[in-house]
Amino acid sequence: MKIVLADLKSAALDQAAETVAALARGGKADVRAVATDVSVMEDVQRLRQIAYQSFGEVALLMNNAGIGNGGGPFENYERWQRVLAVNLWGVINGAHAFAQAMIAQGTPAAIVNTGSKQGITTPPGNPAYNVSKAGIKAQTEALQHELRNIPGCKISAHLMIPGHVFTPLTARGRTEKPPGAWTAEQTVDFMIARIDDGDFYILCPDNDVPRALDERRMLWAAGDIVQNRPALSRWHPDYAEAFAKFVKGE
């Protein structure tokens, strides 16, 4: 594939372009690095323009930009705004800027949005991040519904739900990958295989958490509403024993 990399202007973006160009069949001719703030619609529209001018079409759009370290329910208002601007509005901007042009190509293509398990089970500790990822889930579901109901449309949307992946975002100063984490390469290989099989929800395991455990956690979270339990009952001391039994299938 020919690759267009988008990130904030930095030496890291330039280095990434050099690394990818060294692997690309056509070398530097197959790679573009475009300084982009995904929270700014004009930047994303410029990204689309450069991609189409350079390579003529877009076969895969991956809305993957994300930041953490949000705020509490009533703390760090400015950080709330930035996390939502990048994580959620970045995805919304990507769809608004690219989707119609990709549909008009008339060729098979895909849009992959990176969500999070935290957007489904919403654990305590970082609600700004959880809200952003929950919004991505809802947006991507709506996007796929819309695409599959457009006559002749050959674009599919997919929700990427990573497990524990060792990246600069999750490293927290560590230089060695924790045993429980997957590498980015493992995660991408899993994603490609699931897209090949037509999955919409790409629920990634890792070395600590198998899919079966993710499923039980997600079912318990939905059960809070159905059974009218306290909010986030998985972390409520009165429900610790019940959750442990539920995970075991009891």
Protein backbone atom coordinates (compact mmCIF):
# COMPACT_ATOMS: atom_id res chain seq x y z
CA MET A 1 0.00 0.00 0.00
CA LYS A 2 0.88 3.64 -0.35
CA ILE A 3 0.78 5.37 3.01
CA VAL A 4 -0.20 8.82 4.24
CA LEU A 5 0.85 9.42 7.84
CA ALA A 6 -0.88 12.12 9.86
CA ASP A 7 0.26 13.43 13.24
CA LEU A 8 1.10 16.67 14.94
CA LYS A 9 4.16 18.33 13.41
CA SER A 10 7.18 16.78 15.10
CA ALA A 11 10.43 14.95 14.58
CA ALA A 12 8.54 11.74 15.41
CA LEU A 13 6.34 12.17 12.34
CA ASP A 14 9.37 12.71 10.12
CA GLN A 15 11.09 9.66 11.60
CA ALA A 16 7.98 7.54 11.08
CA ALA A 17 7.88 8.57 7.43
CA GLU A 18 11.51 7.54 6.97
CA THR A 19 10.89 4.18 8.63
CA VAL A 20 7.85 3.43 6.46
CA ALA A 21 9.57 4.64 3.28
CA ALA A 22 12.40 2.18 3.93
CA LEU A 23 9.84 -0.64 3.85
CA ALA A 24 7.64 0.64 1.02
CA ARG A 25 7.97 -0.91 -2.42
CA GLY A 26 8.30 2.50 -4.04
CA GLY A 27 10.36 4.04 -1.25
CA LYS A 28 9.73 7.70 -0.46
CA ALA A 29 7.45 8.04 -3.51
CA ASP A 30 4.91 5.81 -1.74
CA VAL A 31 4.82 7.77 1.53
CA ARG A 32 3.52 11.16 2.60
CA ALA A 33 3.78 12.69 6.07
CA VAL A 34 1.22 15.41 6.68
CA ALA A 35 1.30 17.53 9.84
CA THR A 36 -2.28 17.33 11.06
CA ASP A 37 -4.23 18.26 14.17
CA VAL A 38 -7.22 15.92 13.82
CA SER A 39 -9.30 18.12 16.11
CA VAL A 40 -9.20 20.85 13.43
CA MET A 41 -11.50 20.12 10.51
CA GLU A 42 -9.50 22.28 8.11
CA ASP A 43 -6.40 20.18 8.86
CA VAL A 44 -8.27 16.94 8.15
CA GLN A 45 -9.71 18.35 4.92
CA ARG A 46 -6.18 19.30 3.86
CA LEU A 47 -5.07 15.76 4.71
CA ARG A 48 -7.78 14.37 2.41
CA GLN A 49 -6.74 16.73 -0.38
CA ILE A 50 -3.10 15.69 -0.17
CA ALA A 51 -4.00 11.98 -0.05
CA TYR A 52 -6.14 12.19 -3.18
CA GLN A 53 -3.73 14.45 -5.04
CA SER A 54 -0.86 12.10 -4.23
CA PHE A 55 -2.42 8.69 -4.80
CA GLY A 56 -5.85 9.12 -6.42
CA GLU A 57 -7.94 7.17 -3.90
CA VAL A 58 -8.12 6.06 -0.27
CA ALA A 59 -8.50 2.32 0.33
CA LEU A 60 -8.19 2.43 4.11
CA LEU A 61 -8.83 5.29 6.50
CA MET A 62 -7.64 4.59 10.04
CA ASN A 63 -8.82 7.14 12.59
CA ASN A 64 -6.35 6.24 15.31
CA ALA A 65 -5.17 9.49 16.90
CA GLY A 66 -5.70 9.46 20.63
CA ILE A 67 -4.50 10.94 23.91
CA GLY A 68 -5.10 10.00 27.54
CA ASN A 69 -4.73 11.71 30.90
CA GLY A 70 -8.19 13.24 30.95
CA GLY A 71 -10.06 14.68 33.90
CA GLY A 72 -12.39 13.54 36.66
CA PRO A 73 -16.15 14.12 36.60
CA PHE A 74 -15.70 17.71 37.80
CA GLU A 75 -11.95 18.25 37.39
CA ASN A 76 -9.55 19.41 34.66
CA TYR A 77 -12.12 21.00 32.38
CA GLU A 78 -9.52 22.09 29.83
CA ARG A 79 -8.14 18.56 29.62
CA TRP A 80 -11.66 17.22 29.06
CA GLN A 81 -11.96 19.54 26.08
CA ARG A 82 -8.65 18.44 24.58
CA VAL A 83 -9.27 14.69 25.04
CA LEU A 84 -12.70 14.95 23.42
CA ALA A 85 -11.35 17.19 20.66
CA VAL A 86 -8.66 14.69 19.66
CA ASN A 87 -10.20 11.31 20.48
CA LEU A 88 -13.83 11.90 19.50
CA TRP A 89 -13.87 14.91 17.20
CA GLY A 90 -10.83 13.53 15.39
CA VAL A 91 -12.91 10.50 14.39
CA ILE A 92 -15.96 12.61 13.53
CA ASN A 93 -13.81 14.93 11.42
CA GLY A 94 -12.26 11.95 9.65
CA ALA A 95 -15.65 10.58 8.66
CA HIS A 96 -16.96 13.96 7.54
CA ALA A 97 -13.84 14.73 5.51
CA PHE A 98 -13.27 11.34 3.86
CA ALA A 99 -16.39 9.16 3.75
CA GLN A 100 -18.24 10.74 0.83
CA ALA A 101 -15.10 10.92 -1.30
CA MET A 102 -14.38 7.25 -0.56
CA ILE A 103 -17.95 6.26 -1.48
CA ALA A 104 -17.64 8.15 -4.76
CA GLN A 105 -14.57 6.09 -5.70
CA GLY A 106 -16.81 3.09 -6.31
CA THR A 107 -14.04 0.76 -5.11
CA PRO A 108 -13.92 -1.47 -2.00
CA ALA A 109 -12.50 0.38 0.99
CA ALA A 110 -12.71 0.50 4.76
CA ILE A 111 -12.86 3.00 7.60
CA VAL A 112 -11.45 1.77 10.92
CA ASN A 113 -11.97 3.79 14.09
CA THR A 114 -9.95 3.01 17.20
CA GLY A 115 -12.21 2.70 20.22
CA SER A 116 -11.42 1.09 23.56
CA LYS A 117 -12.79 -1.45 25.98
CA GLN A 118 -13.00 1.50 28.37
CA GLY A 119 -15.65 2.95 26.09
CA ILE A 120 -17.80 -0.13 26.76
CA THR A 121 -17.17 -1.01 30.41
CA THR A 122 -16.31 2.60 31.45
CA PRO A 123 -14.12 1.81 34.48
CA PRO A 124 -13.55 4.53 37.10
CA GLY A 125 -10.44 6.66 36.96
CA ASN A 126 -10.50 8.43 33.59
CA PRO A 127 -14.04 9.41 32.59
CA ALA A 128 -12.92 11.91 29.94
CA TYR A 129 -11.18 9.11 28.02
CA ASN A 130 -14.10 6.74 28.58
CA VAL A 131 -16.59 9.27 27.25
CA SER A 132 -14.48 9.88 24.15
CA LYS A 133 -14.24 6.17 23.39
CA ALA A 134 -17.91 5.50 24.13
CA GLY A 135 -18.71 8.23 21.61
CA ILE A 136 -16.50 6.54 19.02
CA LYS A 137 -18.43 3.28 19.49
CA ALA A 138 -21.75 5.04 18.89
CA GLN A 139 -20.40 7.02 15.93
CA THR A 140 -18.86 3.98 14.24
CA GLU A 141 -22.00 1.89 14.66
CA ALA A 142 -24.03 4.66 13.06
CA LEU A 143 -21.48 5.04 10.27
CA GLN A 144 -21.59 1.34 9.38
CA HIS A 145 -25.40 1.35 9.42
CA GLU A 146 -25.43 4.32 7.05
CA LEU A 147 -22.83 2.85 4.68
CA ARG A 148 -24.54 -0.53 4.34
CA ASN A 149 -27.80 1.17 3.38
CA ILE A 150 -26.33 3.25 0.54
CA PRO A 151 -27.03 1.48 -2.77
CA GLY A 152 -23.80 0.38 -4.46
CA CYS A 153 -21.61 1.50 -1.56
CA LYS A 154 -18.49 -0.64 -1.19
CA ILE A 155 -17.19 0.98 2.00
CA SER A 156 -17.32 -0.81 5.34
CA ALA A 157 -16.71 0.65 8.79
CA HIS A 158 -15.09 -1.21 11.68
CA LEU A 159 -14.62 -0.54 15.39
CA MET A 160 -11.13 -1.44 16.60
CA ILE A 161 -11.22 -2.37 20.31
CA PRO A 162 -7.63 -2.97 21.44
CA GLY A 163 -6.54 -4.89 24.49
CA HIS A 164 -3.40 -3.91 26.40
CA VAL A 165 -1.00 -2.77 23.68
CA PHE A 166 2.50 -1.55 24.47
CA THR A 167 2.80 1.86 22.80
CA PRO A 168 4.18 5.24 23.89
CA LEU A 169 0.64 6.10 25.09
CA THR A 170 0.56 3.12 27.47
CA ALA A 171 4.27 2.77 28.30
CA ARG A 172 4.20 5.28 31.18
CA GLY A 173 7.96 5.56 31.17
CA ARG A 174 8.65 1.85 30.75
CA THR A 175 11.06 0.79 28.04
CA GLU A 176 10.31 -2.95 28.08
CA LYS A 177 6.97 -4.45 27.12
CA PRO A 178 5.07 -5.91 30.09
CA PRO A 179 4.42 -9.66 29.71
CA GLY A 180 0.65 -9.11 29.59
CA ALA A 181 0.69 -6.65 26.70
CA TRP A 182 0.60 -7.26 22.97
CA THR A 183 2.85 -5.43 20.57
CA ALA A 184 1.41 -2.99 18.04
CA GLU A 185 2.35 -5.47 15.31
CA GLN A 186 0.36 -8.28 16.93
CA THR A 187 -2.63 -5.99 17.26
CA VAL A 188 -2.52 -4.89 13.62
CA ASP A 189 -2.17 -8.50 12.42
CA PHE A 190 -5.24 -9.42 14.47
CA MET A 191 -7.15 -6.44 13.06
CA ILE A 192 -6.38 -7.39 9.46
CA ALA A 193 -7.48 -10.98 10.03
CA ARG A 194 -10.77 -9.88 11.60
CA ILE A 195 -11.48 -7.41 8.77
CA ASP A 196 -10.81 -10.22 6.28
CA ASP A 197 -13.51 -12.23 8.09
CA GLY A 198 -15.93 -9.30 7.94
CA ASP A 199 -16.02 -8.44 11.65
CA PHE A 200 -17.38 -5.05 12.63
CA TYR A 201 -16.39 -5.28 16.31
CA ILE A 202 -12.66 -6.10 16.35
CA LEU A 203 -12.31 -7.13 20.00
CA CYS A 204 -8.62 -7.78 20.66
CA PRO A 205 -7.36 -10.01 23.43
CA ASP A 206 -3.91 -9.69 24.98
CA ASN A 207 -1.63 -11.97 26.99
CA ASP A 208 -3.58 -11.36 30.22
CA VAL A 209 -7.19 -11.02 29.09
CA PRO A 210 -8.76 -13.58 26.73
CA ARG A 211 -11.91 -12.82 24.79
CA ALA A 212 -14.06 -14.86 27.20
CA LEU A 213 -13.13 -12.55 30.09
CA ASP A 214 -13.80 -9.44 28.00
CA GLU A 215 -17.23 -10.84 27.12
CA ARG A 216 -18.15 -11.43 30.78
CA ARG A 217 -17.00 -7.93 31.76
CA MET A 218 -19.04 -6.35 28.98
CA LEU A 219 -22.13 -8.42 29.76
CA TRP A 220 -21.87 -7.42 33.42
CA ALA A 221 -21.65 -3.74 32.44
CA ALA A 222 -24.83 -4.03 30.35
CA GLY A 223 -26.46 -5.89 33.25
CA ASP A 224 -26.09 -2.85 35.50
CA ILE A 225 -28.84 -1.22 33.46
CA VAL A 226 -31.01 -4.29 32.92
CA GLN A 227 -30.91 -5.30 36.59
CA ASN A 228 -30.84 -1.73 37.94
CA ARG A 229 -27.66 -2.26 39.92
CA PRO A 230 -25.59 0.68 41.21
CA ALA A 231 -23.50 2.47 38.59
CA LEU A 232 -20.22 0.68 37.88
CA SER A 233 -21.21 -2.14 40.20
CA ARG A 234 -18.20 -4.17 39.08
CA TRP A 235 -16.14 -1.87 41.31
CA HIS A 236 -18.76 -1.65 44.11
CA PRO A 237 -17.68 -3.62 47.21
CA ASP A 238 -21.18 -5.02 47.73
CA TYR A 239 -21.06 -6.70 44.30
CA ALA A 240 -17.48 -8.00 44.32
CA GLU A 241 -18.48 -11.58 45.15
CA ALA A 242 -21.35 -11.61 42.64
CA PHE A 243 -19.08 -10.33 39.87
CA ALA A 244 -16.41 -12.90 40.65
CA LYS A 245 -19.00 -15.68 40.37
CA PHE A 246 -20.36 -14.21 37.15
CA VAL A 247 -16.92 -14.18 35.57
CA LYS A 248 -16.60 -17.88 36.41
CA GLY A 249 -19.94 -18.54 34.76
CA GLU A 250 -21.75 -19.32 38.01
